[in-house]
Amino acid sequence: MNGTLYENIRRFRMKNKMSQGDLAKLTGYASNSMIAQIEDGAIDLHYSKILKFAEALNVPVPVLLGYIDEESITSEIANLPKKWQEYMGVQLKFAKQTANEEKEIGELLFSNSHLN
């Protein structure tokens, strides 16, 4: 394994030359202090948020989670039969759609709670 999720978030953020504020905006957080807490491992992330971080940092989820290193995943995926590559693409698309729907529901609930 290659680091924890939280270490990898910091590593890939720095590799991409992003500030904590930049990453906060891309992942739906209001401030860079939340990113600092996440990178310190003080906040657990829901899978939908892990997907957002992976997308924002342009890194596959297994790499971000530290299950496989960056170099290996490219060759691992390339060695899969085409039907499995397509299947993985469909699953990623579904996961992104679910994360977006959860975000929209959360935003709607948040905006409605301020109306009461």
PDB file of N, CA and C in Angstrom:
ATOM      1  N   MET A   1       0.842  -1.182   0.000  1.00  0.00           N
ATOM      2  CA  MET A   1       0.000   0.000   0.000  1.00  0.00           C
ATOM      3  C   MET A   1       0.882   1.239   0.000  1.00  0.00           C
ATOM      4  N   ASN A   2       0.315   2.310  -0.482  1.00  0.00           N
ATOM      5  CA  ASN A   2       1.070   3.544  -0.648  1.00  0.00           C
ATOM      6  C   ASN A   2       0.429   4.696   0.106  1.00  0.00           C
ATOM      7  N   GLY A   3       0.582   4.712   1.407  1.00  0.00           N
ATOM      8  CA  GLY A   3       0.043   5.796   2.211  1.00  0.00           C
ATOM      9  C   GLY A   3      -1.427   5.618   2.512  1.00  0.00           C
ATOM     10  N   THR A   4      -1.885   6.407   3.456  1.00  0.00           N
ATOM     11  CA  THR A   4      -3.304   6.395   3.793  1.00  0.00           C
ATOM     12  C   THR A   4      -4.056   7.332   2.861  1.00  0.00           C
ATOM     13  N   LEU A   5      -5.354   7.223   2.874  1.00  0.00           N
ATOM     14  CA  LEU A   5      -6.199   8.111   2.084  1.00  0.00           C
ATOM     15  C   LEU A   5      -5.843   9.567   2.366  1.00  0.00           C
ATOM     16  N   TYR A   6      -5.703   9.913   3.617  1.00  0.00           N
ATOM     17  CA  TYR A   6      -5.482  11.304   4.013  1.00  0.00           C
ATOM     18  C   TYR A   6      -4.100  11.796   3.590  1.00  0.00           C
ATOM     19  N   GLU A   7      -3.098  10.938   3.720  1.00  0.00           N
ATOM     20  CA  GLU A   7      -1.754  11.284   3.244  1.00  0.00           C
ATOM     21  C   GLU A   7      -1.756  11.451   1.719  1.00  0.00           C
ATOM     22  N   ASN A   8      -2.491  10.582   1.055  1.00  0.00           N
ATOM     23  CA  ASN A   8      -2.545  10.638  -0.400  1.00  0.00           C
ATOM     24  C   ASN A   8      -3.294  11.864  -0.899  1.00  0.00           C
ATOM     25  N   ILE A   9      -4.324  12.282  -0.193  1.00  0.00           N
ATOM     26  CA  ILE A   9      -5.023  13.515  -0.577  1.00  0.00           C
ATOM     27  C   ILE A   9      -4.026  14.668  -0.552  1.00  0.00           C
ATOM     28  N   ARG A  10      -3.267  14.773   0.515  1.00  0.00           N
ATOM     29  CA  ARG A  10      -2.265  15.844   0.619  1.00  0.00           C
ATOM     30  C   ARG A  10      -1.216  15.705  -0.496  1.00  0.00           C
ATOM     31  N   ARG A  11      -0.717  14.487  -0.689  1.00  0.00           N
ATOM     32  CA  ARG A  11       0.343  14.256  -1.686  1.00  0.00           C
ATOM     33  C   ARG A  11      -0.134  14.627  -3.094  1.00  0.00           C
ATOM     34  N   PHE A  12      -1.322  14.175  -3.478  1.00  0.00           N
ATOM     35  CA  PHE A  12      -1.809  14.474  -4.820  1.00  0.00           C
ATOM     36  C   PHE A  12      -2.218  15.942  -4.963  1.00  0.00           C
ATOM     37  N   ARG A  13      -2.688  16.556  -3.882  1.00  0.00           N
ATOM     38  CA  ARG A  13      -3.005  17.989  -3.938  1.00  0.00           C
ATOM     39  C   ARG A  13      -1.728  18.770  -4.224  1.00  0.00           C
ATOM     40  N   MET A  14      -0.667  18.429  -3.522  1.00  0.00           N
ATOM     41  CA  MET A  14       0.602  19.134  -3.720  1.00  0.00           C
ATOM     42  C   MET A  14       1.191  18.815  -5.092  1.00  0.00           C
ATOM     43  N   LYS A  15       1.066  17.565  -5.527  1.00  0.00           N
ATOM     44  CA  LYS A  15       1.559  17.176  -6.849  1.00  0.00           C
ATOM     45  C   LYS A  15       0.856  17.985  -7.939  1.00  0.00           C
ATOM     46  N   ASN A  16      -0.437  18.250  -7.748  1.00  0.00           N
ATOM     47  CA  ASN A  16      -1.235  19.024  -8.707  1.00  0.00           C
ATOM     48  C   ASN A  16      -1.120  20.532  -8.485  1.00  0.00           C
ATOM     49  N   LYS A  17      -0.260  20.920  -7.542  1.00  0.00           N
ATOM     50  CA  LYS A  17      -0.026  22.344  -7.239  1.00  0.00           C
ATOM     51  C   LYS A  17      -1.330  23.078  -6.898  1.00  0.00           C
ATOM     52  N   MET A  18      -2.128  22.430  -6.048  1.00  0.00           N
ATOM     53  CA  MET A  18      -3.393  23.010  -5.593  1.00  0.00           C
ATOM     54  C   MET A  18      -3.239  23.492  -4.161  1.00  0.00           C
ATOM     55  N   SER A  19      -3.922  24.559  -3.855  1.00  0.00           N
ATOM     56  CA  SER A  19      -4.009  24.982  -2.458  1.00  0.00           C
ATOM     57  C   SER A  19      -5.129  24.193  -1.789  1.00  0.00           C
ATOM     58  N   GLN A  20      -5.176  24.237  -0.486  1.00  0.00           N
ATOM     59  CA  GLN A  20      -6.283  23.589   0.217  1.00  0.00           C
ATOM     60  C   GLN A  20      -7.595  24.265  -0.160  1.00  0.00           C
ATOM     61  N   GLY A  21      -7.560  25.570  -0.394  1.00  0.00           N
ATOM     62  CA  GLY A  21      -8.759  26.296  -0.814  1.00  0.00           C
ATOM     63  C   GLY A  21      -9.251  25.848  -2.180  1.00  0.00           C
ATOM     64  N   ASP A  22      -8.312  25.628  -3.103  1.00  0.00           N
ATOM     65  CA  ASP A  22      -8.680  25.139  -4.435  1.00  0.00           C
ATOM     66  C   ASP A  22      -9.377  23.789  -4.338  1.00  0.00           C
ATOM     67  N   LEU A  23      -8.788  22.899  -3.545  1.00  0.00           N
ATOM     68  CA  LEU A  23      -9.352  21.560  -3.399  1.00  0.00           C
ATOM     69  C   LEU A  23     -10.712  21.617  -2.697  1.00  0.00           C
ATOM     70  N   ALA A  24     -10.850  22.516  -1.740  1.00  0.00           N
ATOM     71  CA  ALA A  24     -12.129  22.673  -1.047  1.00  0.00           C
ATOM     72  C   ALA A  24     -13.231  23.030  -2.045  1.00  0.00           C
ATOM     73  N   LYS A  25     -12.949  23.980  -2.925  1.00  0.00           N
ATOM     74  CA  LYS A  25     -13.945  24.389  -3.921  1.00  0.00           C
ATOM     75  C   LYS A  25     -14.323  23.238  -4.843  1.00  0.00           C
ATOM     76  N   LEU A  26     -13.339  22.469  -5.273  1.00  0.00           N
ATOM     77  CA  LEU A  26     -13.596  21.369  -6.207  1.00  0.00           C
ATOM     78  C   LEU A  26     -14.350  20.210  -5.572  1.00  0.00           C
ATOM     79  N   THR A  27     -14.283  20.095  -4.256  1.00  0.00           N
ATOM     80  CA  THR A  27     -14.914  18.965  -3.573  1.00  0.00           C
ATOM     81  C   THR A  27     -16.153  19.356  -2.770  1.00  0.00           C
ATOM     82  N   GLY A  28     -16.549  20.619  -2.865  1.00  0.00           N
ATOM     83  CA  GLY A  28     -17.792  21.043  -2.226  1.00  0.00           C
ATOM     84  C   GLY A  28     -17.671  21.470  -0.777  1.00  0.00           C
ATOM     85  N   TYR A  29     -16.461  21.755  -0.314  1.00  0.00           N
ATOM     86  CA  TYR A  29     -16.290  22.245   1.055  1.00  0.00           C
ATOM     87  C   TYR A  29     -16.205  23.762   1.049  1.00  0.00           C
ATOM     88  N   ALA A  30     -16.632  24.363   2.137  1.00  0.00           N
ATOM     89  CA  ALA A  30     -16.698  25.818   2.222  1.00  0.00           C
ATOM     90  C   ALA A  30     -15.346  26.464   2.510  1.00  0.00           C
ATOM     91  N   SER A  31     -14.430  25.716   3.121  1.00  0.00           N
ATOM     92  CA  SER A  31     -13.171  26.360   3.493  1.00  0.00           C
ATOM     93  C   SER A  31     -11.997  25.396   3.442  1.00  0.00           C
ATOM     94  N   ASN A  32     -10.813  25.977   3.402  1.00  0.00           N
ATOM     95  CA  ASN A  32      -9.601  25.164   3.388  1.00  0.00           C
ATOM     96  C   ASN A  32      -9.352  24.498   4.738  1.00  0.00           C
ATOM     97  N   SER A  33      -9.961  25.000   5.803  1.00  0.00           N
ATOM     98  CA  SER A  33      -9.749  24.370   7.113  1.00  0.00           C
ATOM     99  C   SER A  33     -10.322  22.955   7.142  1.00  0.00           C
ATOM    100  N   MET A  34     -11.373  22.709   6.388  1.00  0.00           N
ATOM    101  CA  MET A  34     -11.924  21.352   6.306  1.00  0.00           C
ATOM    102  C   MET A  34     -10.924  20.430   5.607  1.00  0.00           C
ATOM    103  N   ILE A  35     -10.285  20.929   4.560  1.00  0.00           N
ATOM    104  CA  ILE A  35      -9.286  20.125   3.850  1.00  0.00           C
ATOM    105  C   ILE A  35      -8.111  19.833   4.777  1.00  0.00           C
ATOM    106  N   ALA A  36      -7.708  20.816   5.558  1.00  0.00           N
ATOM    107  CA  ALA A  36      -6.611  20.610   6.517  1.00  0.00           C
ATOM    108  C   ALA A  36      -6.980  19.509   7.515  1.00  0.00           C
ATOM    109  N   GLN A  37      -8.204  19.524   8.006  1.00  0.00           N
ATOM    110  CA  GLN A  37      -8.650  18.498   8.948  1.00  0.00           C
ATOM    111  C   GLN A  37      -8.708  17.122   8.282  1.00  0.00           C
ATOM    112  N   ILE A  38      -9.145  17.088   7.030  1.00  0.00           N
ATOM    113  CA  ILE A  38      -9.198  15.823   6.291  1.00  0.00           C
ATOM    114  C   ILE A  38      -7.784  15.286   6.090  1.00  0.00           C
ATOM    115  N   GLU A  39      -6.880  16.146   5.662  1.00  0.00           N
ATOM    116  CA  GLU A  39      -5.501  15.718   5.440  1.00  0.00           C
ATOM    117  C   GLU A  39      -4.827  15.260   6.733  1.00  0.00           C
ATOM    118  N   ASP A  40      -5.273  15.782   7.854  1.00  0.00           N
ATOM    119  CA  ASP A  40      -4.741  15.353   9.153  1.00  0.00           C
ATOM    120  C   ASP A  40      -5.399  14.058   9.642  1.00  0.00           C
ATOM    121  N   GLY A  41      -6.423  13.599   8.932  1.00  0.00           N
ATOM    122  CA  GLY A  41      -7.112  12.370   9.306  1.00  0.00           C
ATOM    123  C   GLY A  41      -8.138  12.573  10.413  1.00  0.00           C
ATOM    124  N   ALA A  42      -8.521  13.818  10.676  1.00  0.00           N
ATOM    125  CA  ALA A  42      -9.467  14.114  11.743  1.00  0.00           C
ATOM    126  C   ALA A  42     -10.921  13.925  11.310  1.00  0.00           C
ATOM    127  N   ILE A  43     -11.158  13.830  10.007  1.00  0.00           N
ATOM    128  CA  ILE A  43     -12.516  13.694   9.481  1.00  0.00           C
ATOM    129  C   ILE A  43     -12.566  12.475   8.572  1.00  0.00           C
ATOM    130  N   ASP A  44     -13.514  11.579   8.834  1.00  0.00           N
ATOM    131  CA  ASP A  44     -13.723  10.431   7.961  1.00  0.00           C
ATOM    132  C   ASP A  44     -14.552  10.866   6.763  1.00  0.00           C
ATOM    133  N   LEU A  45     -14.259  10.287   5.622  1.00  0.00           N
ATOM    134  CA  LEU A  45     -14.958  10.654   4.396  1.00  0.00           C
ATOM    135  C   LEU A  45     -15.915   9.563   3.953  1.00  0.00           C
ATOM    136  N   HIS A  46     -17.104   9.970   3.540  1.00  0.00           N
ATOM    137  CA  HIS A  46     -18.083   9.085   2.916  1.00  0.00           C
ATOM    138  C   HIS A  46     -17.560   8.751   1.522  1.00  0.00           C
ATOM    139  N   TYR A  47     -17.953   7.603   1.002  1.00  0.00           N
ATOM    140  CA  TYR A  47     -17.449   7.177  -0.303  1.00  0.00           C
ATOM    141  C   TYR A  47     -17.728   8.207  -1.394  1.00  0.00           C
ATOM    142  N   SER A  48     -18.866   8.875  -1.338  1.00  0.00           N
ATOM    143  CA  SER A  48     -19.170   9.881  -2.363  1.00  0.00           C
ATOM    144  C   SER A  48     -18.152  11.015  -2.325  1.00  0.00           C
ATOM    145  N   LYS A  49     -17.660  11.347  -1.145  1.00  0.00           N
ATOM    146  CA  LYS A  49     -16.634  12.390  -1.029  1.00  0.00           C
ATOM    147  C   LYS A  49     -15.285  11.880  -1.528  1.00  0.00           C
ATOM    148  N   ILE A  50     -14.992  10.616  -1.273  1.00  0.00           N
ATOM    149  CA  ILE A  50     -13.741  10.036  -1.779  1.00  0.00           C
ATOM    150  C   ILE A  50     -13.745  10.116  -3.306  1.00  0.00           C
ATOM    151  N   LEU A  51     -14.887   9.841  -3.919  1.00  0.00           N
ATOM    152  CA  LEU A  51     -15.008   9.958  -5.368  1.00  0.00           C
ATOM    153  C   LEU A  51     -14.753  11.382  -5.830  1.00  0.00           C
ATOM    154  N   LYS A  52     -15.276  12.352  -5.100  1.00  0.00           N
ATOM    155  CA  LYS A  52     -15.065  13.763  -5.446  1.00  0.00           C
ATOM    156  C   LYS A  52     -13.586  14.124  -5.369  1.00  0.00           C
ATOM    157  N   PHE A  53     -12.914  13.648  -4.313  1.00  0.00           N
ATOM    158  CA  PHE A  53     -11.484  13.923  -4.173  1.00  0.00           C
ATOM    159  C   PHE A  53     -10.703  13.266  -5.311  1.00  0.00           C
ATOM    160  N   ALA A  54     -11.043  12.029  -5.644  1.00  0.00           N
ATOM    161  CA  ALA A  54     -10.352  11.336  -6.728  1.00  0.00           C
ATOM    162  C   ALA A  54     -10.527  12.088  -8.044  1.00  0.00           C
ATOM    163  N   GLU A  55     -11.737  12.551  -8.288  1.00  0.00           N
ATOM    164  CA  GLU A  55     -12.007  13.303  -9.513  1.00  0.00           C
ATOM    165  C   GLU A  55     -11.253  14.626  -9.515  1.00  0.00           C
ATOM    166  N   ALA A  56     -11.307  15.350  -8.420  1.00  0.00           N
ATOM    167  CA  ALA A  56     -10.646  16.653  -8.326  1.00  0.00           C
ATOM    168  C   ALA A  56      -9.128  16.529  -8.460  1.00  0.00           C
ATOM    169  N   LEU A  57      -8.572  15.440  -7.924  1.00  0.00           N
ATOM    170  CA  LEU A  57      -7.128  15.236  -7.950  1.00  0.00           C
ATOM    171  C   LEU A  57      -6.679  14.436  -9.172  1.00  0.00           C
ATOM    172  N   ASN A  58      -7.659  14.021  -9.987  1.00  0.00           N
ATOM    173  CA  ASN A  58      -7.388  13.273 -11.213  1.00  0.00           C
ATOM    174  C   ASN A  58      -6.568  12.011 -10.935  1.00  0.00           C
ATOM    175  N   VAL A  59      -7.071  11.226  -9.993  1.00  0.00           N
ATOM    176  CA  VAL A  59      -6.393   9.993  -9.601  1.00  0.00           C
ATOM    177  C   VAL A  59      -7.444   8.901  -9.389  1.00  0.00           C
ATOM    178  N   PRO A  60      -7.170   7.676  -9.814  1.00  0.00           N
ATOM    179  CA  PRO A  60      -8.133   6.591  -9.588  1.00  0.00           C
ATOM    180  C   PRO A  60      -8.353   6.331  -8.094  1.00  0.00           C
ATOM    181  N   VAL A  61      -9.555   5.972  -7.733  1.00  0.00           N
ATOM    182  CA  VAL A  61      -9.903   5.740  -6.328  1.00  0.00           C
ATOM    183  C   VAL A  61      -8.961   4.741  -5.644  1.00  0.00           C
ATOM    184  N   PRO A  62      -8.644   3.591  -6.256  1.00  0.00           N
ATOM    185  CA  PRO A  62      -7.744   2.659  -5.561  1.00  0.00           C
ATOM    186  C   PRO A  62      -6.366   3.261  -5.255  1.00  0.00           C
ATOM    187  N   VAL A  63      -5.899   4.152  -6.117  1.00  0.00           N
ATOM    188  CA  VAL A  63      -4.615   4.814  -5.872  1.00  0.00           C
ATOM    189  C   VAL A  63      -4.764   5.797  -4.714  1.00  0.00           C
ATOM    190  N   LEU A  64      -5.845   6.568  -4.728  1.00  0.00           N
ATOM    191  CA  LEU A  64      -6.071   7.528  -3.645  1.00  0.00           C
ATOM    192  C   LEU A  64      -6.204   6.818  -2.305  1.00  0.00           C
ATOM    193  N   LEU A  65      -6.844   5.660  -2.301  1.00  0.00           N
ATOM    194  CA  LEU A  65      -7.007   4.893  -1.067  1.00  0.00           C
ATOM    195  C   LEU A  65      -5.718   4.197  -0.631  1.00  0.00           C
ATOM    196  N   GLY A  66      -4.731   4.157  -1.515  1.00  0.00           N
ATOM    197  CA  GLY A  66      -3.463   3.534  -1.183  1.00  0.00           C
ATOM    198  C   GLY A  66      -3.432   2.040  -1.413  1.00  0.00           C
ATOM    199  N   TYR A  67      -4.401   1.514  -2.157  1.00  0.00           N
ATOM    200  CA  TYR A  67      -4.455   0.085  -2.419  1.00  0.00           C
ATOM    201  C   TYR A  67      -3.461  -0.345  -3.496  1.00  0.00           C
ATOM    202  N   ILE A  68      -3.128   0.583  -4.390  1.00  0.00           N
ATOM    203  CA  ILE A  68      -2.231   0.280  -5.505  1.00  0.00           C
ATOM    204  C   ILE A  68      -1.505   1.564  -5.869  1.00  0.00           C
ATOM    205  N   ASP A  69      -0.291   1.444  -6.375  1.00  0.00           N
ATOM    206  CA  ASP A  69       0.446   2.659  -6.731  1.00  0.00           C
ATOM    207  C   ASP A  69       0.052   3.132  -8.128  1.00  0.00           C
ATOM    208  N   GLU A  70       0.402   4.369  -8.427  1.00  0.00           N
ATOM    209  CA  GLU A  70       0.001   4.991  -9.693  1.00  0.00           C
ATOM    210  C   GLU A  70       0.473   4.228 -10.914  1.00  0.00           C
ATOM    211  N   GLU A  71       1.715   3.780 -10.891  1.00  0.00           N
ATOM    212  CA  GLU A  71       2.278   3.103 -12.052  1.00  0.00           C
ATOM    213  C   GLU A  71       1.590   1.760 -12.306  1.00  0.00           C
ATOM    214  N   SER A  72       1.279   1.057 -11.236  1.00  0.00           N
ATOM    215  CA  SER A  72       0.699  -0.276 -11.375  1.00  0.00           C
ATOM    216  C   SER A  72      -0.722  -0.240 -11.912  1.00  0.00           C
ATOM    217  N   ILE A  73      -1.487   0.767 -11.517  1.00  0.00           N
ATOM    218  CA  ILE A  73      -2.904   0.758 -11.909  1.00  0.00           C
ATOM    219  C   ILE A  73      -3.073   0.893 -13.407  1.00  0.00           C
ATOM    220  N   THR A  74      -2.230   1.672 -14.048  1.00  0.00           N
ATOM    221  CA  THR A  74      -2.341   1.830 -15.494  1.00  0.00           C
ATOM    222  C   THR A  74      -2.117   0.497 -16.192  1.00  0.00           C
ATOM    223  N   SER A  75      -1.086  -0.209 -15.771  1.00  0.00           N
ATOM    224  CA  SER A  75      -0.823  -1.496 -16.407  1.00  0.00           C
ATOM    225  C   SER A  75      -1.870  -2.535 -16.015  1.00  0.00           C
ATOM    226  N   GLU A  76      -2.365  -2.465 -14.777  1.00  0.00           N
ATOM    227  CA  GLU A  76      -3.398  -3.410 -14.342  1.00  0.00           C
ATOM    228  C   GLU A  76      -4.667  -3.244 -15.187  1.00  0.00           C
ATOM    229  N   ILE A  77      -5.101  -2.001 -15.379  1.00  0.00           N
ATOM    230  CA  ILE A  77      -6.317  -1.747 -16.157  1.00  0.00           C
ATOM    231  C   ILE A  77      -6.098  -2.131 -17.620  1.00  0.00           C
ATOM    232  N   ALA A  78      -4.934  -1.793 -18.148  1.00  0.00           N
ATOM    233  CA  ALA A  78      -4.635  -2.107 -19.546  1.00  0.00           C
ATOM    234  C   ALA A  78      -4.606  -3.610 -19.787  1.00  0.00           C
ATOM    235  N   ASN A  79      -4.284  -4.384 -18.763  1.00  0.00           N
ATOM    236  CA  ASN A  79      -4.211  -5.837 -18.908  1.00  0.00           C
ATOM    237  C   ASN A  79      -5.561  -6.528 -18.746  1.00  0.00           C
ATOM    238  N   LEU A  80      -6.560  -5.780 -18.326  1.00  0.00           N
ATOM    239  CA  LEU A  80      -7.892  -6.369 -18.183  1.00  0.00           C
ATOM    240  C   LEU A  80      -8.531  -6.571 -19.548  1.00  0.00           C
ATOM    241  N   PRO A  81      -9.384  -7.581 -19.673  1.00  0.00           N
ATOM    242  CA  PRO A  81     -10.139  -7.726 -20.923  1.00  0.00           C
ATOM    243  C   PRO A  81     -10.998  -6.478 -21.152  1.00  0.00           C
ATOM    244  N   LYS A  82     -11.237  -6.170 -22.398  1.00  0.00           N
ATOM    245  CA  LYS A  82     -11.966  -4.951 -22.758  1.00  0.00           C
ATOM    246  C   LYS A  82     -13.317  -4.855 -22.049  1.00  0.00           C
ATOM    247  N   LYS A  83     -14.023  -5.970 -21.908  1.00  0.00           N
ATOM    248  CA  LYS A  83     -15.341  -5.927 -21.257  1.00  0.00           C
ATOM    249  C   LYS A  83     -15.212  -5.465 -19.805  1.00  0.00           C
ATOM    250  N   TRP A  84     -14.105  -5.827 -19.125  1.00  0.00           N
ATOM    251  CA  TRP A  84     -13.914  -5.392 -17.740  1.00  0.00           C
ATOM    252  C   TRP A  84     -13.510  -3.928 -17.673  1.00  0.00           C
ATOM    253  N   GLN A  85     -12.742  -3.471 -18.654  1.00  0.00           N
ATOM    254  CA  GLN A  85     -12.414  -2.050 -18.716  1.00  0.00           C
ATOM    255  C   GLN A  85     -13.690  -1.229 -18.884  1.00  0.00           C
ATOM    256  N   GLU A  86     -14.580  -1.698 -19.766  1.00  0.00           N
ATOM    257  CA  GLU A  86     -15.853  -1.022 -19.990  1.00  0.00           C
ATOM    258  C   GLU A  86     -16.717  -1.068 -18.729  1.00  0.00           C
ATOM    259  N   TYR A  87     -16.730  -2.225 -18.060  1.00  0.00           N
ATOM    260  CA  TYR A  87     -17.497  -2.375 -16.828  1.00  0.00           C
ATOM    261  C   TYR A  87     -17.014  -1.384 -15.770  1.00  0.00           C
ATOM    262  N   MET A  88     -15.704  -1.264 -15.630  1.00  0.00           N
ATOM    263  CA  MET A  88     -15.153  -0.321 -14.651  1.00  0.00           C
ATOM    264  C   MET A  88     -15.553   1.111 -14.993  1.00  0.00           C
ATOM    265  N   GLY A  89     -15.579   1.438 -16.290  1.00  0.00           N
ATOM    266  CA  GLY A  89     -16.001   2.770 -16.711  1.00  0.00           C
ATOM    267  C   GLY A  89     -17.453   3.046 -16.350  1.00  0.00           C
ATOM    268  N   VAL A  90     -18.306   2.048 -16.555  1.00  0.00           N
ATOM    269  CA  VAL A  90     -19.728   2.189 -16.211  1.00  0.00           C
ATOM    270  C   VAL A  90     -19.888   2.374 -14.699  1.00  0.00           C
ATOM    271  N   GLN A  91     -19.152   1.585 -13.925  1.00  0.00           N
ATOM    272  CA  GLN A  91     -19.247   1.684 -12.467  1.00  0.00           C
ATOM    273  C   GLN A  91     -18.788   3.048 -11.983  1.00  0.00           C
ATOM    274  N   LEU A  92     -17.717   3.568 -12.560  1.00  0.00           N
ATOM    275  CA  LEU A  92     -17.226   4.888 -12.173  1.00  0.00           C
ATOM    276  C   LEU A  92     -18.249   5.968 -12.531  1.00  0.00           C
ATOM    277  N   LYS A  93     -18.842   5.851 -13.713  1.00  0.00           N
ATOM    278  CA  LYS A  93     -19.872   6.810 -14.131  1.00  0.00           C
ATOM    279  C   LYS A  93     -21.052   6.771 -13.161  1.00  0.00           C
ATOM    280  N   PHE A  94     -21.487   5.560 -12.787  1.00  0.00           N
ATOM    281  CA  PHE A  94     -22.593   5.412 -11.838  1.00  0.00           C
ATOM    282  C   PHE A  94     -22.221   6.030 -10.485  1.00  0.00           C
ATOM    283  N   ALA A  95     -21.002   5.779 -10.019  1.00  0.00           N
ATOM    284  CA  ALA A  95     -20.566   6.315  -8.729  1.00  0.00           C
ATOM    285  C   ALA A  95     -20.534   7.838  -8.758  1.00  0.00           C
ATOM    286  N   LYS A  96     -20.067   8.411  -9.864  1.00  0.00           N
ATOM    287  CA  LYS A  96     -20.039   9.875  -9.991  1.00  0.00           C
ATOM    288  C   LYS A  96     -21.457  10.436 -10.005  1.00  0.00           C
ATOM    289  N   GLN A  97     -22.361   9.764 -10.722  1.00  0.00           N
ATOM    290  CA  GLN A  97     -23.753  10.211 -10.788  1.00  0.00           C
ATOM    291  C   GLN A  97     -24.379  10.176  -9.391  1.00  0.00           C
ATOM    292  N   THR A  98     -24.138   9.098  -8.661  1.00  0.00           N
ATOM    293  CA  THR A  98     -24.672   8.966  -7.304  1.00  0.00           C
ATOM    294  C   THR A  98     -24.117  10.063  -6.398  1.00  0.00           C
ATOM    295  N   ALA A  99     -22.833  10.340  -6.516  1.00  0.00           N
ATOM    296  CA  ALA A  99     -22.212  11.391  -5.702  1.00  0.00           C
ATOM    297  C   ALA A  99     -22.832  12.747  -6.026  1.00  0.00           C
ATOM    298  N   ASN A 100     -23.071  13.017  -7.312  1.00  0.00           N
ATOM    299  CA  ASN A 100     -23.689  14.280  -7.710  1.00  0.00           C
ATOM    300  C   ASN A 100     -25.115  14.381  -7.178  1.00  0.00           C
ATOM    301  N   GLU A 101     -25.858  13.275  -7.234  1.00  0.00           N
ATOM    302  CA  GLU A 101     -27.225  13.282  -6.711  1.00  0.00           C
ATOM    303  C   GLU A 101     -27.228  13.525  -5.209  1.00  0.00           C
ATOM    304  N   GLU A 102     -26.305  12.892  -4.495  1.00  0.00           N
ATOM    305  CA  GLU A 102     -26.214  13.099  -3.043  1.00  0.00           C
ATOM    306  C   GLU A 102     -25.878  14.556  -2.738  1.00  0.00           C
ATOM    307  N   LYS A 103     -25.003  15.149  -3.531  1.00  0.00           N
ATOM    308  CA  LYS A 103     -24.634  16.554  -3.336  1.00  0.00           C
ATOM    309  C   LYS A 103     -25.862  17.451  -3.545  1.00  0.00           C
ATOM    310  N   GLU A 104     -26.610  17.195  -4.625  1.00  0.00           N
ATOM    311  CA  GLU A 104     -27.797  17.997  -4.914  1.00  0.00           C
ATOM    312  C   GLU A 104     -28.826  17.881  -3.798  1.00  0.00           C
ATOM    313  N   ILE A 105     -29.054  16.675  -3.302  1.00  0.00           N
ATOM    314  CA  ILE A 105     -30.000  16.466  -2.202  1.00  0.00           C
ATOM    315  C   ILE A 105     -29.524  17.197  -0.954  1.00  0.00           C
ATOM    316  N   GLY A 106     -28.239  17.079  -0.666  1.00  0.00           N
ATOM    317  CA  GLY A 106     -27.672  17.774   0.491  1.00  0.00           C
ATOM    318  C   GLY A 106     -27.819  19.280   0.381  1.00  0.00           C
ATOM    319  N   GLU A 107     -27.546  19.827  -0.807  1.00  0.00           N
ATOM    320  CA  GLU A 107     -27.689  21.269  -1.022  1.00  0.00           C
ATOM    321  C   GLU A 107     -29.144  21.696  -0.871  1.00  0.00           C
ATOM    322  N   LEU A 108     -30.072  20.887  -1.372  1.00  0.00           N
ATOM    323  CA  LEU A 108     -31.486  21.200  -1.258  1.00  0.00           C
ATOM    324  C   LEU A 108     -31.925  21.182   0.206  1.00  0.00           C
ATOM    325  N   LEU A 109     -31.514  20.169   0.939  1.00  0.00           N
ATOM    326  CA  LEU A 109     -31.848  20.089   2.366  1.00  0.00           C
ATOM    327  C   LEU A 109     -31.253  21.256   3.130  1.00  0.00           C
ATOM    328  N   PHE A 110     -30.005  21.610   2.803  1.00  0.00           N
ATOM    329  CA  PHE A 110     -29.337  22.722   3.472  1.00  0.00           C
ATOM    330  C   PHE A 110     -30.055  24.033   3.185  1.00  0.00           C
ATOM    331  N   SER A 111     -30.418  24.261   1.928  1.00  0.00           N
ATOM    332  CA  SER A 111     -31.090  25.522   1.580  1.00  0.00           C
ATOM    333  C   SER A 111     -32.480  25.589   2.190  1.00  0.00           C
ATOM    334  N   ASN A 112     -33.182  24.453   2.270  1.00  0.00           N
ATOM    335  CA  ASN A 112     -34.509  24.433   2.879  1.00  0.00           C
ATOM    336  C   ASN A 112     -34.448  24.622   4.385  1.00  0.00           C
ATOM    337  N   SER A 113     -33.369  24.185   5.023  1.00  0.00           N
ATOM    338  CA  SER A 113     -33.269  24.329   6.483  1.00  0.00           C
ATOM    339  C   SER A 113     -33.095  25.790   6.877  1.00  0.00           C
ATOM    340  N   HIS A 114     -32.604  26.605   5.955  1.00  0.00           N
ATOM    341  CA  HIS A 114     -32.437  28.021   6.251  1.00  0.00           C
ATOM    342  C   HIS A 114     -33.731  28.815   6.049  1.00  0.00           C
ATOM    343  N   LEU A 115     -34.721  28.183   5.447  1.00  0.00           N
ATOM    344  CA  LEU A 115     -35.992  28.860   5.209  1.00  0.00           C
ATOM    345  C   LEU A 115     -36.911  28.797   6.420  1.00  0.00           C
ATOM    346  N   ASN A 116     -36.663  27.842   7.306  1.00  0.00           N
ATOM    347  CA  ASN A 116     -37.537  27.673   8.467  1.00  0.00           C
ATOM    348  C   ASN A 116     -37.173  28.610   9.580  1.00  0.00           C
TER     349      ASN A 116
END
